Amino acid sequence: MDITFLLNGENVTLRDVDPTRTTLDWLREERGLRGSKEGCNEGDCGACTVMVTDAGGTSALNACILFLPQLHGKTLTTVEGLSGPDGALHPVQEALVTHHGSQCGFCTPGIAVSLAAGQLNGDTAHDDVLAGNLCRCTGYAPIIRAADAAAGAPVPDWLSTLRAGESPAASAEVGPALPDSSDALAHALMERPHATLVAGATDVGLWVTKGLRDLRDVIFLGGATDLQQIEVSDSDIRIGAGVTIAQLLPVMADHHPSFAEMLRRFASTQVRGAATLGGNIANGSPIGDSPPALIALGATLHLRRGDVRRDIRLQDFFIDYGKQDRVAGEFVEAISIPRQSDHLKVYKLSKRFDQDISAVLGAFNIVVEDGIVQSARIAFGGMAGIPKRATHVEQALTGQPWTQASVDAVGPAFAQDFTPMSDMRASAEYRLEAARNMLTRALAEDQGTPVSVLEVTP
């Protein structure tokens, strides 16, 4: 396939692109731009961070799992492009020097790009901005001081156009591998029903960089902009499968803040800017962060194969480990959440607060009236081979007083719903105990007891 994009202001056209060639490899090997480093090669360390701009704005992304076709029609800015044409430093670069924000320097280019993207977007939540950038030498105190110092500086003139999303004009559709709409995608997938669909590549990218898989038949979804819309009506919130986690987060903050707070811990800024809700569902992971909350909210999954569409409850989509209710040629088109009063509480348990895979994730949608549980939808990730509802717990809790005594009484029902496995993240016994404790936490939060682990007071 042929693609066109801007690289540090230069118009680039590539012919017969290897669809799974990573941006990082191309930058270093073909363009000699070696400021972006390869650390983990799986999107965890942030040493390869670049900025990508399109009509939706500018995002910091991991170049190591960003395939070249994902750049079509967009603007790519590397660390080499942060400085001005006359060599003037970006305010972030100046601040990192002034505040001694670098020692060995390996991770510094990625940190500089992440902070520059944050400054461009007016994002001063530096701990979140840098959660995907590991630094083992410097320590984060001088880096945060540099971030604070640069935050108030004006965006350099040579980068100000990125706010407007200036990019080369992309052709409407450059071929079946880069469809420009869900209709074009449906047609392409009917002809190639076993093609690998790539949206953000935050999962598929590792199939290539770590699994060394040869993905011969690939369809990229980034051009299907109609899959990237969120529609809020009186009855539901319809989220296109191509909506990124970063785009979803502020919408959920308005409707279900606990869900949004969990999404803030969904990997890193770089991953949230690429990963899509549809991808997080369709890959069928038992520890995907979004499905438990969506199941607890009663979400509906909208599937499409050619011109045929069908709707199923999200909880029914997951059949068994690695198996979903989706046939060849069928894809996730959207997800709908019924509008409802917010009772949702979502708790993620992992060894690290940021940038970590869940050991257990619990979502609790419990409606209480006059002290009695009227309804309960409770779902977990990490407790089975699929995201799964705790139906026995729900039944035991419904109609009971919303008290600690009731919570304690339904404790044995967790073992009826789940037989978790032991792995490197947690033992089966720990998972069961953690799930029970999360229900206690939901009760405590409802009663006004502080439950956040981010603030500890004597």
Foldseek 3Di string as FASTA:
>chain_A
DWAWKAELNRIDIDPPFQQLDFQQCCCCPPVVNPQQDDDPLQQAAQSRWKWKFAQVAIAIARRSQHGPVLRGQIYIYFLVSQADPVRHHWLLVVLCVVLVVDDPSSQVRRLSRLLLRCLLVLNLPSCQSCLRHDDDPRDCPSSNRSSVRNNPDDGDPSCNCRRNRDIDDGDCAPDLQEHQAVLSVLVSQLVVLPAAEAFLSSPVSCCCRPVVDRRPGYHYDPNHCVLQDWDDDLWKIKHRQNHFLVNVLVVCCVAAVQLSVVSSQVAGRNRSVRHGNQVLLVQQALQRAPVQQQLQQFKKWWKDHNPDIDIDTSQQQRDFQRHGPADGSMGTTIMIGTRDHHLKHKDFDFPDSHRGTGCKIKIWRWDDDPQFTQFIWIWMGNFHSGTHTLVQLGVQRHGHGLDPVSLVVSLVSLVVRGQGDDDPTGHSVVRSVVVSVVSVVSSCVVVVHDDDPVDDDD
